[in-house]
Structures are given as structure tokens and as C-alpha cells.
Protein backbone atom coordinates (compact mmCIF):
# COMPACT_ATOMS: atom_id res chain seq x y z
CA MET A 1 -11.51 -23.91 54.22
CA PRO A 2 -7.74 -24.37 53.82
CA PRO A 3 -5.80 -25.74 56.78
CA GLU A 4 -4.33 -23.12 59.09
CA ASP A 5 -0.76 -24.33 58.46
CA LEU A 6 -1.13 -23.54 54.74
CA LEU A 7 -2.59 -20.11 55.53
CA ALA A 8 0.29 -19.45 57.94
CA LEU A 9 2.78 -20.47 55.23
CA LEU A 10 1.26 -17.98 52.79
CA ASP A 11 1.33 -15.33 55.52
CA SER A 12 5.03 -16.08 56.10
CA LEU A 13 5.77 -15.71 52.38
CA GLY A 14 4.53 -12.11 52.62
CA LEU A 15 1.05 -12.42 51.12
CA ASP A 16 -1.79 -10.44 52.69
CA ARG A 17 -4.61 -12.58 54.08
CA HIS A 18 -8.19 -11.51 53.36
CA GLY A 19 -11.43 -13.15 54.32
CA ALA A 20 -15.17 -13.23 54.20
CA PRO A 21 -17.61 -15.68 55.76
CA ASP A 22 -16.55 -19.17 54.58
CA ASP A 23 -13.83 -17.80 52.30
CA VAL A 24 -10.15 -16.96 52.73
CA TRP A 25 -7.69 -15.75 50.12
CA HIS A 26 -4.26 -14.21 49.92
CA GLN A 27 -3.11 -11.37 47.72
CA VAL A 28 0.20 -9.77 46.89
CA PRO A 29 0.57 -6.57 48.96
CA ASP A 30 -0.20 -3.42 46.97
CA ALA A 31 3.03 -1.72 48.06
CA MET A 32 5.30 -4.33 46.43
CA ASP A 33 7.23 -3.46 43.31
CA GLU A 34 6.90 -5.61 40.19
CA ILE A 35 10.08 -7.63 40.75
CA ALA A 36 9.08 -8.47 44.34
CA MET A 37 5.59 -9.48 43.15
CA LYS A 38 7.01 -11.85 40.54
CA THR A 39 9.39 -13.36 43.08
CA LEU A 40 6.59 -13.86 45.58
CA ALA A 41 4.31 -15.43 42.96
CA ASP A 42 7.14 -17.74 41.89
CA ARG A 43 7.61 -18.91 45.48
CA ALA A 44 3.92 -19.31 46.40
CA ALA A 45 2.38 -20.85 43.26
CA PRO A 46 4.29 -24.16 43.32
CA LEU A 47 3.52 -24.68 47.01
CA LEU A 48 -0.19 -24.18 46.41
CA ALA A 49 -0.35 -26.25 43.24
CA ARG A 50 1.42 -29.18 44.92
CA ALA A 51 -1.08 -28.97 47.77
CA GLY A 52 -3.92 -29.26 45.24
CA TYR A 53 -5.18 -25.69 45.45
CA ARG A 54 -6.28 -23.55 42.52
CA VAL A 55 -3.80 -20.80 41.73
CA ASP A 56 -5.08 -17.54 40.23
CA ILE A 57 -2.19 -15.25 39.30
CA ASP A 58 -2.31 -12.34 36.89
CA ALA A 59 -0.55 -13.32 33.66
CA GLY A 60 1.86 -10.41 34.08
CA LEU A 61 3.21 -11.91 37.31
CA PHE A 62 4.00 -15.35 35.96
CA GLY A 63 7.60 -16.43 36.15
CA GLY A 64 8.94 -19.78 35.05
CA SER A 65 8.08 -21.94 38.06
CA ALA A 66 4.78 -20.15 38.83
CA TYR A 67 3.60 -20.64 35.27
CA ARG A 68 4.48 -24.36 35.26
CA ALA A 69 2.90 -24.94 38.69
CA ALA A 70 -0.35 -23.19 37.78
CA ARG A 71 -0.65 -25.13 34.53
CA ARG A 72 0.08 -28.51 36.13
CA PRO A 73 -3.12 -30.55 36.60
CA PRO A 74 -4.25 -30.99 40.21
CA PRO A 75 -3.57 -34.31 41.92
CA PRO A 76 -6.22 -37.02 41.54
CA PRO A 77 -9.13 -36.90 44.04
CA ALA A 78 -7.76 -39.86 46.00
CA ALA A 79 -4.53 -37.96 46.67
CA GLN A 80 -6.49 -34.89 47.77
CA ALA A 81 -8.60 -36.98 50.15
CA ARG A 82 -5.46 -38.39 51.83
CA ARG A 83 -4.21 -34.84 52.45
CA THR A 84 -7.36 -33.78 54.28
CA ARG A 85 -7.26 -36.59 56.84
């Protein structure tokens, strides 16, 4: 489960939080127009990728920084382990 501070950050960016038992995800709100969706994806994807999380964004929403962040390999396991302590 992601840390609450990361979930709160995604909430503050304007993403809608959804959940099921043992699973939490954020989605772009349905009411957003295409430009706002691309801007939101561009802001959120690098934050998540740097934190070592998988980023799943529809190809139509990719902007420059979101595309680069999602394609960047995740940090090595040792770096991820330090983050969870």
C-alpha cells in the first residue's frame, strides 16, 4: 500500500482516489477536458516515477515529461527499500 503522504499528494494534484481491499489507485476526473488531463498527467507522472511507482497513463495523455518519466526505469531495489523505512 502506498504511503498516505503520496496518496495525499495525488489527491492535491486533483486526481480522484479509488480503492478496493488492499488496493488504491488514482484516476483523472471524468469531467476534465483534454488539456487539463494532459497537464495533470504531466505533473503527476514524474512524481510517481521518481518515487518508484508504476505509472499507467493512456498514450493519448502523454506529454513530454510524463512520457519520459513513465519510460524511465525504476530505481534499483536497494533505493526502493531505503524509501520504505
